[in-house]
Full PDB file with SEQRES, HELIX, SHEET, SSBOND, CRYST1, ORIGX, SCALE, CONECT and MASTER records, all heavy atoms in Angstrom:
SEQRES   1 A   36  GLU SER CYS TYR SER VAL ALA GLY ASP GLU SER TYR ILE          
SEQRES   2 A   36  LEU GLN VAL ARG VAL ALA SER PRO LEU GLY LEU GLU GLU          
SEQRES   3 A   36  LEU LEU ARG GLN ILE ARG GLU ALA ALA LYS                      
HELIX    1 AA1 PRO A   21  ALA A   35  1                                  15    
SHEET    1 AA1 2 SER A   2  SER A   5  0                                        
SHEET    2 AA1 2 TYR A  12  GLN A  15 -1                                        
CRYST1    1.000    1.000    1.000  90.00  90.00  90.00 P 1           1          
ORIGX1      1.000000  0.000000  0.000000        0.00000                         
ORIGX2      0.000000  1.000000  0.000000        0.00000                         
ORIGX3      0.000000  0.000000  1.000000        0.00000                         
SCALE1      1.000000  0.000000  0.000000        0.00000                         
SCALE2      0.000000  1.000000  0.000000        0.00000                         
SCALE3      0.000000  0.000000  1.000000        0.00000                         
ATOM      1  N   GLU A   1       0.822  -1.215   0.000  1.00  0.00           N  
ATOM      2  CA  GLU A   1       0.000   0.000   0.000  1.00  0.00           C  
ATOM      3  C   GLU A   1       0.852   1.259   0.000  1.00  0.00           C  
ATOM      4  O   GLU A   1       0.486   2.248  -0.607  1.00  0.00           O  
ATOM      5  CB  GLU A   1      -0.922   0.027   1.217  1.00  0.00           C  
ATOM      6  CG  GLU A   1      -2.032  -0.982   1.146  1.00  0.00           C  
ATOM      7  CD  GLU A   1      -3.038  -0.812   2.272  1.00  0.00           C  
ATOM      8  OE1 GLU A   1      -2.778  -0.071   3.241  1.00  0.00           O  
ATOM      9  OE2 GLU A   1      -4.107  -1.424   2.172  1.00  0.00           O  
ATOM     10  N   SER A   2       1.967   1.240   0.719  1.00  0.00           N  
ATOM     11  CA  SER A   2       2.830   2.415   0.822  1.00  0.00           C  
ATOM     12  C   SER A   2       4.282   1.975   0.837  1.00  0.00           C  
ATOM     13  O   SER A   2       4.609   0.904   1.331  1.00  0.00           O  
ATOM     14  CB  SER A   2       2.547   3.192   2.115  1.00  0.00           C  
ATOM     15  OG  SER A   2       1.214   3.629   2.163  1.00  0.00           O  
ATOM     16  N   CYS A   3       5.139   2.842   0.298  1.00  0.00           N  
ATOM     17  CA  CYS A   3       6.579   2.590   0.272  1.00  0.00           C  
ATOM     18  C   CYS A   3       7.258   3.872   0.727  1.00  0.00           C  
ATOM     19  O   CYS A   3       7.121   4.917   0.093  1.00  0.00           O  
ATOM     20  CB  CYS A   3       7.010   2.222  -1.148  1.00  0.00           C  
ATOM     21  SG  CYS A   3       8.787   1.990  -1.333  1.00  0.00           S  
ATOM     22  N   TYR A   4       7.980   3.794   1.855  1.00  0.00           N  
ATOM     23  CA  TYR A   4       8.627   4.955   2.445  1.00  0.00           C  
ATOM     24  C   TYR A   4      10.141   4.796   2.374  1.00  0.00           C  
ATOM     25  O   TYR A   4      10.679   3.795   2.838  1.00  0.00           O  
ATOM     26  CB  TYR A   4       8.235   5.109   3.922  1.00  0.00           C  
ATOM     27  CG  TYR A   4       6.750   5.188   4.157  1.00  0.00           C  
ATOM     28  CD1 TYR A   4       6.029   4.061   4.561  1.00  0.00           C  
ATOM     29  CD2 TYR A   4       6.063   6.382   3.979  1.00  0.00           C  
ATOM     30  CE1 TYR A   4       4.664   4.126   4.785  1.00  0.00           C  
ATOM     31  CE2 TYR A   4       4.687   6.455   4.204  1.00  0.00           C  
ATOM     32  CZ  TYR A   4       4.004   5.328   4.609  1.00  0.00           C  
ATOM     33  OH  TYR A   4       2.650   5.397   4.819  1.00  0.00           O  
ATOM     34  N   SER A   5      10.834   5.780   1.816  1.00  0.00           N  
ATOM     35  CA  SER A   5      12.292   5.828   1.872  1.00  0.00           C  
ATOM     36  C   SER A   5      12.643   6.374   3.248  1.00  0.00           C  
ATOM     37  O   SER A   5      12.096   7.395   3.672  1.00  0.00           O  
ATOM     38  CB  SER A   5      12.820   6.754   0.780  1.00  0.00           C  
ATOM     39  OG  SER A   5      14.217   6.890   0.890  1.00  0.00           O  
ATOM     40  N   VAL A   6      13.540   5.692   3.966  1.00  0.00           N  
ATOM     41  CA  VAL A   6      13.811   6.059   5.356  1.00  0.00           C  
ATOM     42  C   VAL A   6      15.304   6.178   5.628  1.00  0.00           C  
ATOM     43  O   VAL A   6      16.134   5.615   4.911  1.00  0.00           O  
ATOM     44  CB  VAL A   6      13.192   5.033   6.339  1.00  0.00           C  
ATOM     45  CG1 VAL A   6      11.677   5.014   6.221  1.00  0.00           C  
ATOM     46  CG2 VAL A   6      13.755   3.633   6.123  1.00  0.00           C  
ATOM     47  N   ALA A   7      15.622   6.907   6.693  1.00  0.00           N  
ATOM     48  CA  ALA A   7      16.993   6.997   7.175  1.00  0.00           C  
ATOM     49  C   ALA A   7      17.211   5.869   8.176  1.00  0.00           C  
ATOM     50  O   ALA A   7      16.273   5.399   8.805  1.00  0.00           O  
ATOM     51  CB  ALA A   7      17.215   8.348   7.856  1.00  0.00           C  
ATOM     52  N   GLY A   8      18.437   5.423   8.294  1.00  0.00           N  
ATOM     53  CA  GLY A   8      18.752   4.365   9.241  1.00  0.00           C  
ATOM     54  C   GLY A   8      19.316   3.149   8.538  1.00  0.00           C  
ATOM     55  O   GLY A   8      19.749   3.218   7.392  1.00  0.00           O  
ATOM     56  N   ASP A   9      19.282   2.014   9.227  1.00  0.00           N  
ATOM     57  CA  ASP A   9      19.836   0.785   8.668  1.00  0.00           C  
ATOM     58  C   ASP A   9      19.053   0.306   7.451  1.00  0.00           C  
ATOM     59  O   ASP A   9      19.618  -0.207   6.496  1.00  0.00           O  
ATOM     60  CB  ASP A   9      19.865  -0.325   9.723  1.00  0.00           C  
ATOM     61  CG  ASP A   9      20.856  -0.026  10.838  1.00  0.00           C  
ATOM     62  OD1 ASP A   9      21.812   0.738  10.591  1.00  0.00           O  
ATOM     63  OD2 ASP A   9      20.659  -0.546  11.951  1.00  0.00           O  
ATOM     64  N   GLU A  10      17.731   0.446   7.507  1.00  0.00           N  
ATOM     65  CA  GLU A  10      16.898   0.027   6.386  1.00  0.00           C  
ATOM     66  C   GLU A  10      16.883   1.120   5.326  1.00  0.00           C  
ATOM     67  O   GLU A  10      17.103   2.292   5.622  1.00  0.00           O  
ATOM     68  CB  GLU A  10      15.454  -0.253   6.832  1.00  0.00           C  
ATOM     69  CG  GLU A  10      15.311  -1.470   7.716  1.00  0.00           C  
ATOM     70  CD  GLU A  10      15.366  -1.154   9.203  1.00  0.00           C  
ATOM     71  OE1 GLU A  10      15.438   0.038   9.560  1.00  0.00           O  
ATOM     72  OE2 GLU A  10      15.347  -2.098   9.999  1.00  0.00           O  
ATOM     73  N   SER A  11      16.587   0.728   4.090  1.00  0.00           N  
ATOM     74  CA  SER A  11      16.466   1.698   3.003  1.00  0.00           C  
ATOM     75  C   SER A  11      15.018   2.141   2.813  1.00  0.00           C  
ATOM     76  O   SER A  11      14.750   3.290   2.504  1.00  0.00           O  
ATOM     77  CB  SER A  11      16.961   1.088   1.691  1.00  0.00           C  
ATOM     78  OG  SER A  11      18.328   0.781   1.787  1.00  0.00           O  
ATOM     79  N   TYR A  12      14.100   1.187   2.957  1.00  0.00           N  
ATOM     80  CA  TYR A  12      12.678   1.450   2.744  1.00  0.00           C  
ATOM     81  C   TYR A  12      11.866   0.691   3.776  1.00  0.00           C  
ATOM     82  O   TYR A  12      12.291  -0.349   4.275  1.00  0.00           O  
ATOM     83  CB  TYR A  12      12.231   0.998   1.344  1.00  0.00           C  
ATOM     84  CG  TYR A  12      12.818   1.837   0.246  1.00  0.00           C  
ATOM     85  CD1 TYR A  12      14.039   1.513  -0.320  1.00  0.00           C  
ATOM     86  CD2 TYR A  12      12.151   2.960  -0.217  1.00  0.00           C  
ATOM     87  CE1 TYR A  12      14.598   2.294  -1.321  1.00  0.00           C  
ATOM     88  CE2 TYR A  12      12.694   3.754  -1.216  1.00  0.00           C  
ATOM     89  CZ  TYR A  12      13.918   3.416  -1.762  1.00  0.00           C  
ATOM     90  OH  TYR A  12      14.452   4.204  -2.743  1.00  0.00           O  
ATOM     91  N   ILE A  13      10.684   1.223   4.056  1.00  0.00           N  
ATOM     92  CA  ILE A  13       9.698   0.505   4.845  1.00  0.00           C  
ATOM     93  C   ILE A  13       8.420   0.454   4.022  1.00  0.00           C  
ATOM     94  O   ILE A  13       7.956   1.473   3.507  1.00  0.00           O  
ATOM     95  CB  ILE A  13       9.444   1.158   6.215  1.00  0.00           C  
ATOM     96  CG1 ILE A  13      10.724   1.123   7.058  1.00  0.00           C  
ATOM     97  CG2 ILE A  13       8.292   0.457   6.945  1.00  0.00           C  
ATOM     98  CD1 ILE A  13      10.610   1.809   8.396  1.00  0.00           C  
ATOM     99  N   LEU A  14       7.880  -0.747   3.886  1.00  0.00           N  
ATOM    100  CA  LEU A  14       6.658  -0.964   3.127  1.00  0.00           C  
ATOM    101  C   LEU A  14       5.500  -1.204   4.083  1.00  0.00           C  
ATOM    102  O   LEU A  14       5.659  -1.910   5.076  1.00  0.00           O  
ATOM    103  CB  LEU A  14       6.790  -2.198   2.228  1.00  0.00           C  
ATOM    104  CG  LEU A  14       8.032  -2.296   1.349  1.00  0.00           C  
ATOM    105  CD1 LEU A  14       8.049  -3.647   0.636  1.00  0.00           C  
ATOM    106  CD2 LEU A  14       8.074  -1.148   0.369  1.00  0.00           C  
ATOM    107  N   GLN A  15       4.349  -0.657   3.759  1.00  0.00           N  
ATOM    108  CA  GLN A  15       3.120  -1.016   4.469  1.00  0.00           C  
ATOM    109  C   GLN A  15       2.355  -1.935   3.529  1.00  0.00           C  
ATOM    110  O   GLN A  15       2.111  -1.581   2.373  1.00  0.00           O  
ATOM    111  CB  GLN A  15       2.278   0.200   4.806  1.00  0.00           C  
ATOM    112  CG  GLN A  15       1.010  -0.170   5.548  1.00  0.00           C  
ATOM    113  CD  GLN A  15       0.162   1.042   5.898  1.00  0.00           C  
ATOM    114  OE1 GLN A  15       0.564   2.179   5.728  1.00  0.00           O  
ATOM    115  NE2 GLN A  15      -1.029   0.779   6.378  1.00  0.00           N  
ATOM    116  N   VAL A  16       2.007  -3.118   4.025  1.00  0.00           N  
ATOM    117  CA  VAL A  16       1.329  -4.106   3.186  1.00  0.00           C  
ATOM    118  C   VAL A  16       0.041  -4.567   3.855  1.00  0.00           C  
ATOM    119  O   VAL A  16      -0.107  -4.471   5.070  1.00  0.00           O  
ATOM    120  CB  VAL A  16       2.237  -5.325   2.887  1.00  0.00           C  
ATOM    121  CG1 VAL A  16       3.549  -4.885   2.237  1.00  0.00           C  
ATOM    122  CG2 VAL A  16       2.511  -6.143   4.133  1.00  0.00           C  
ATOM    123  N   ARG A  17      -0.869  -5.073   3.032  1.00  0.00           N  
ATOM    124  CA  ARG A  17      -2.122  -5.622   3.541  1.00  0.00           C  
ATOM    125  C   ARG A  17      -2.377  -6.934   2.796  1.00  0.00           C  
ATOM    126  O   ARG A  17      -2.359  -6.962   1.567  1.00  0.00           O  
ATOM    127  CB  ARG A  17      -3.258  -4.638   3.301  1.00  0.00           C  
ATOM    128  CG  ARG A  17      -4.424  -4.841   4.233  1.00  0.00           C  
ATOM    129  CD  ARG A  17      -5.452  -3.739   4.087  1.00  0.00           C  
ATOM    130  NE  ARG A  17      -4.984  -2.437   4.525  1.00  0.00           N  
ATOM    131  CZ  ARG A  17      -5.226  -1.918   5.709  1.00  0.00           C  
ATOM    132  NH1 ARG A  17      -5.905  -2.586   6.601  1.00  0.00           N  
ATOM    133  NH2 ARG A  17      -4.804  -0.705   6.013  1.00  0.00           N  
ATOM    134  N   VAL A  18      -2.575  -8.015   3.562  1.00  0.00           N  
ATOM    135  CA  VAL A  18      -2.763  -9.348   2.981  1.00  0.00           C  
ATOM    136  C   VAL A  18      -3.892 -10.082   3.698  1.00  0.00           C  
ATOM    137  O   VAL A  18      -4.375  -9.642   4.746  1.00  0.00           O  
ATOM    138  CB  VAL A  18      -1.464 -10.185   3.058  1.00  0.00           C  
ATOM    139  CG1 VAL A  18      -0.377  -9.602   2.164  1.00  0.00           C  
ATOM    140  CG2 VAL A  18      -0.961 -10.304   4.478  1.00  0.00           C  
ATOM    141  N   ALA A  19      -4.279 -11.223   3.138  1.00  0.00           N  
ATOM    142  CA  ALA A  19      -5.408 -11.986   3.669  1.00  0.00           C  
ATOM    143  C   ALA A  19      -5.048 -12.849   4.876  1.00  0.00           C  
ATOM    144  O   ALA A  19      -5.908 -13.126   5.710  1.00  0.00           O  
ATOM    145  CB  ALA A  19      -6.002 -12.860   2.567  1.00  0.00           C  
ATOM    146  N   SER A  20      -3.769 -13.277   4.971  1.00  0.00           N  
ATOM    147  CA  SER A  20      -3.431 -14.261   6.010  1.00  0.00           C  
ATOM    148  C   SER A  20      -1.927 -14.285   6.253  1.00  0.00           C  
ATOM    149  O   SER A  20      -1.154 -13.752   5.447  1.00  0.00           O  
ATOM    150  CB  SER A  20      -3.873 -15.647   5.538  1.00  0.00           C  
ATOM    151  OG  SER A  20      -3.098 -16.039   4.408  1.00  0.00           O  
ATOM    152  N   PRO A  21      -1.512 -14.962   7.324  1.00  0.00           N  
ATOM    153  CA  PRO A  21      -0.066 -15.151   7.534  1.00  0.00           C  
ATOM    154  C   PRO A  21       0.589 -15.866   6.358  1.00  0.00           C  
ATOM    155  O   PRO A  21       1.709 -15.535   5.969  1.00  0.00           O  
ATOM    156  CB  PRO A  21       0.005 -15.985   8.815  1.00  0.00           C  
ATOM    157  CG  PRO A  21      -1.236 -15.607   9.562  1.00  0.00           C  
ATOM    158  CD  PRO A  21      -2.287 -15.426   8.484  1.00  0.00           C  
ATOM    159  N   LEU A  22      -0.103 -16.822   5.773  1.00  0.00           N  
ATOM    160  CA  LEU A  22       0.438 -17.512   4.595  1.00  0.00           C  
ATOM    161  C   LEU A  22       0.607 -16.528   3.432  1.00  0.00           C  
ATOM    162  O   LEU A  22       1.609 -16.575   2.712  1.00  0.00           O  
ATOM    163  CB  LEU A  22      -0.482 -18.670   4.196  1.00  0.00           C  
ATOM    164  CG  LEU A  22       0.035 -19.593   3.109  1.00  0.00           C  
ATOM    165  CD1 LEU A  22       1.339 -20.255   3.524  1.00  0.00           C  
ATOM    166  CD2 LEU A  22      -1.009 -20.652   2.791  1.00  0.00           C  
ATOM    167  N   GLY A  23      -0.355 -15.629   3.272  1.00  0.00           N  
ATOM    168  CA  GLY A  23      -0.246 -14.599   2.242  1.00  0.00           C  
ATOM    169  C   GLY A  23       0.933 -13.679   2.487  1.00  0.00           C  
ATOM    170  O   GLY A  23       1.622 -13.260   1.552  1.00  0.00           O  
ATOM    171  N   LEU A  24       1.191 -13.354   3.761  1.00  0.00           N  
ATOM    172  CA  LEU A  24       2.336 -12.521   4.111  1.00  0.00           C  
ATOM    173  C   LEU A  24       3.639 -13.250   3.805  1.00  0.00           C  
ATOM    174  O   LEU A  24       4.581 -12.667   3.254  1.00  0.00           O  
ATOM    175  CB  LEU A  24       2.276 -12.121   5.588  1.00  0.00           C  
ATOM    176  CG  LEU A  24       3.426 -11.259   6.101  1.00  0.00           C  
ATOM    177  CD1 LEU A  24       3.544  -9.955   5.319  1.00  0.00           C  
ATOM    178  CD2 LEU A  24       3.242 -10.990   7.590  1.00  0.00           C  
ATOM    179  N   GLU A  25       3.685 -14.524   4.129  1.00  0.00           N  
ATOM    180  CA  GLU A  25       4.877 -15.317   3.841  1.00  0.00           C  
ATOM    181  C   GLU A  25       5.174 -15.335   2.348  1.00  0.00           C  
ATOM    182  O   GLU A  25       6.320 -15.161   1.917  1.00  0.00           O  
ATOM    183  CB  GLU A  25       4.681 -16.735   4.376  1.00  0.00           C  
ATOM    184  CG  GLU A  25       5.904 -17.600   4.270  1.00  0.00           C  
ATOM    185  CD  GLU A  25       5.705 -18.970   4.914  1.00  0.00           C  
ATOM    186  OE1 GLU A  25       4.559 -19.453   5.011  1.00  0.00           O  
ATOM    187  OE2 GLU A  25       6.720 -19.553   5.320  1.00  0.00           O  
ATOM    188  N   GLU A  26       4.151 -15.503   1.535  1.00  0.00           N  
ATOM    189  CA  GLU A  26       4.325 -15.521   0.078  1.00  0.00           C  
ATOM    190  C   GLU A  26       4.769 -14.139  -0.424  1.00  0.00           C  
ATOM    191  O   GLU A  26       5.647 -14.035  -1.287  1.00  0.00           O  
ATOM    192  CB  GLU A  26       3.026 -15.948  -0.619  1.00  0.00           C  
ATOM    193  CG  GLU A  26       3.039 -15.832  -2.127  1.00  0.00           C  
ATOM    194  CD  GLU A  26       4.145 -16.619  -2.824  1.00  0.00           C  
ATOM    195  OE1 GLU A  26       4.696 -17.589  -2.240  1.00  0.00           O  
ATOM    196  OE2 GLU A  26       4.466 -16.285  -3.981  1.00  0.00           O  
ATOM    197  N   LEU A  27       4.183 -13.088   0.113  1.00  0.00           N  
ATOM    198  CA  LEU A  27       4.569 -11.740  -0.293  1.00  0.00           C  
ATOM    199  C   LEU A  27       6.030 -11.467   0.068  1.00  0.00           C  
ATOM    200  O   LEU A  27       6.776 -10.889  -0.734  1.00  0.00           O  
ATOM    201  CB  LEU A  27       3.651 -10.694   0.354  1.00  0.00           C  
ATOM    202  CG  LEU A  27       3.984  -9.237   0.031  1.00  0.00           C  
ATOM    203  CD1 LEU A  27       3.892  -8.961  -1.468  1.00  0.00           C  
ATOM    204  CD2 LEU A  27       3.065  -8.309   0.814  1.00  0.00           C  
ATOM    205  N   LEU A  28       6.456 -11.885   1.243  1.00  0.00           N  
ATOM    206  CA  LEU A  28       7.852 -11.706   1.638  1.00  0.00           C  
ATOM    207  C   LEU A  28       8.790 -12.412   0.659  1.00  0.00           C  
ATOM    208  O   LEU A  28       9.833 -11.873   0.277  1.00  0.00           O  
ATOM    209  CB  LEU A  28       8.081 -12.218   3.061  1.00  0.00           C  
ATOM    210  CG  LEU A  28       7.512 -11.348   4.165  1.00  0.00           C  
ATOM    211  CD1 LEU A  28       7.497 -12.091   5.494  1.00  0.00           C  
ATOM    212  CD2 LEU A  28       8.293 -10.053   4.278  1.00  0.00           C  
ATOM    213  N   ARG A  29       8.406 -13.597   0.240  1.00  0.00           N  
ATOM    214  CA  ARG A  29       9.211 -14.336  -0.746  1.00  0.00           C  
ATOM    215  C   ARG A  29       9.320 -13.536  -2.039  1.00  0.00           C  
ATOM    216  O   ARG A  29      10.397 -13.373  -2.609  1.00  0.00           O  
ATOM    217  CB  ARG A  29       8.604 -15.711  -1.009  1.00  0.00           C  
ATOM    218  CG  ARG A  29       9.462 -16.581  -1.948  1.00  0.00           C  
ATOM    219  CD  ARG A  29       8.712 -17.784  -2.489  1.00  0.00           C  
ATOM    220  NE  ARG A  29       7.577 -17.437  -3.333  1.00  0.00           N  
ATOM    221  CZ  ARG A  29       7.671 -16.914  -4.574  1.00  0.00           C  
ATOM    222  NH1 ARG A  29       8.847 -16.681  -5.117  1.00  0.00           N  
ATOM    223  NH2 ARG A  29       6.581 -16.631  -5.270  1.00  0.00           N  
ATOM    224  N   GLN A  30       8.199 -12.999  -2.495  1.00  0.00           N  
ATOM    225  CA  GLN A  30       8.182 -12.224  -3.746  1.00  0.00           C  
ATOM    226  C   GLN A  30       9.027 -10.951  -3.622  1.00  0.00           C  
ATOM    227  O   GLN A  30       9.747 -10.589  -4.555  1.00  0.00           O  
ATOM    228  CB  GLN A  30       6.745 -11.860  -4.125  1.00  0.00           C  
ATOM    229  CG  GLN A  30       5.908 -13.033  -4.548  1.00  0.00           C  
ATOM    230  CD  GLN A  30       4.458 -12.633  -4.797  1.00  0.00           C  
ATOM    231  OE1 GLN A  30       4.138 -11.465  -4.989  1.00  0.00           O  
ATOM    232  NE2 GLN A  30       3.568 -13.610  -4.783  1.00  0.00           N  
ATOM    233  N   ILE A  31       8.943 -10.290  -2.481  1.00  0.00           N  
ATOM    234  CA  ILE A  31       9.723  -9.061  -2.261  1.00  0.00           C  
ATOM    235  C   ILE A  31      11.211  -9.376  -2.273  1.00  0.00           C  
ATOM    236  O   ILE A  31      12.000  -8.706  -2.948  1.00  0.00           O  
ATOM    237  CB  ILE A  31       9.313  -8.390  -0.939  1.00  0.00           C  
ATOM    238  CG1 ILE A  31       7.915  -7.787  -1.078  1.00  0.00           C  
ATOM    239  CG2 ILE A  31      10.327  -7.337  -0.511  1.00  0.00           C  
ATOM    240  CD1 ILE A  31       7.297  -7.322   0.231  1.00  0.00           C  
ATOM    241  N   ARG A  32      11.611 -10.412  -1.538  1.00  0.00           N  
ATOM    242  CA  ARG A  32      13.037 -10.775  -1.476  1.00  0.00           C  
ATOM    243  C   ARG A  32      13.568 -11.159  -2.849  1.00  0.00           C  
ATOM    244  O   ARG A  32      14.686 -10.801  -3.227  1.00  0.00           O  
ATOM    245  CB  ARG A  32      13.239 -11.920  -0.493  1.00  0.00           C  
ATOM    246  CG  ARG A  32      13.046 -11.514   0.953  1.00  0.00           C  
ATOM    247  CD  ARG A  32      13.259 -12.706   1.881  1.00  0.00           C  
ATOM    248  NE  ARG A  32      12.841 -12.397   3.226  1.00  0.00           N  
ATOM    249  CZ  ARG A  32      11.998 -13.137   3.941  1.00  0.00           C  
ATOM    250  NH1 ARG A  32      11.508 -14.259   3.443  1.00  0.00           N  
ATOM    251  NH2 ARG A  32      11.654 -12.767   5.150  1.00  0.00           N  
ATOM    252  N   GLU A  33      12.758 -11.884  -3.593  1.00  0.00           N  
ATOM    253  CA  GLU A  33      13.174 -12.326  -4.925  1.00  0.00           C  
ATOM    254  C   GLU A  33      13.284 -11.152  -5.897  1.00  0.00           C  
ATOM    255  O   GLU A  33      14.252 -11.043  -6.642  1.00  0.00           O  
ATOM    256  CB  GLU A  33      12.156 -13.352  -5.447  1.00  0.00           C  
ATOM    257  CG  GLU A  33      12.506 -13.968  -6.775  1.00  0.00           C  
ATOM    258  CD  GLU A  33      11.479 -14.998  -7.163  1.00  0.00           C  
ATOM    259  OE1 GLU A  33      11.437 -16.069  -6.520  1.00  0.00           O  
ATOM    260  OE2 GLU A  33      10.695 -14.734  -8.101  1.00  0.00           O  
ATOM    261  N   ALA A  34      12.288 -10.261  -5.882  1.00  0.00           N  
ATOM    262  CA  ALA A  34      12.269  -9.150  -6.844  1.00  0.00           C  
ATOM    263  C   ALA A  34      13.311  -8.084  -6.533  1.00  0.00           C  
ATOM    264  O   ALA A  34      13.923  -7.522  -7.429  1.00  0.00           O  
ATOM    265  CB  ALA A  34      10.880  -8.515  -6.883  1.00  0.00           C  
ATOM    266  N   ALA A  35      13.520  -7.791  -5.244  1.00  0.00           N  
ATOM    267  CA  ALA A  35      14.388  -6.670  -4.874  1.00  0.00           C  
ATOM    268  C   ALA A  35      15.776  -7.091  -4.397  1.00  0.00           C  
ATOM    269  O   ALA A  35      16.646  -6.245  -4.227  1.00  0.00           O  
ATOM    270  CB  ALA A  35      13.707  -5.828  -3.795  1.00  0.00           C  
ATOM    271  N   LYS A  36      15.968  -8.382  -4.148  1.00  0.00           N  
ATOM    272  CA  LYS A  36      17.277  -8.860  -3.651  1.00  0.00           C  
ATOM    273  C   LYS A  36      17.663  -8.117  -2.368  1.00  0.00           C  
ATOM    274  O   LYS A  36      18.718  -7.493  -2.275  1.00  0.00           O  
ATOM    275  CB  LYS A  36      18.367  -8.689  -4.706  1.00  0.00           C  
ATOM    276  CG  LYS A  36      18.029  -9.262  -6.062  1.00  0.00           C  
ATOM    277  CD  LYS A  36      17.904 -10.758  -6.042  1.00  0.00           C  
ATOM    278  CE  LYS A  36      17.744 -11.298  -7.451  1.00  0.00           C  
ATOM    279  NZ  LYS A  36      16.522 -12.041  -7.672  1.00  0.00           N  
TER     280      LYS A  36                                                      
MASTER        0    0    0    1    2    0    0    6  279    1    0    3          
END                                                                             
């Protein structure tokens, strides 16, 4: 839903909305794969 560029150790913080913990797990996989 939102992507924030941030200062600190992280580069970005994403706000996400999903149907379930399994959906979150799948989204995390997709994010890691797409953005490395």
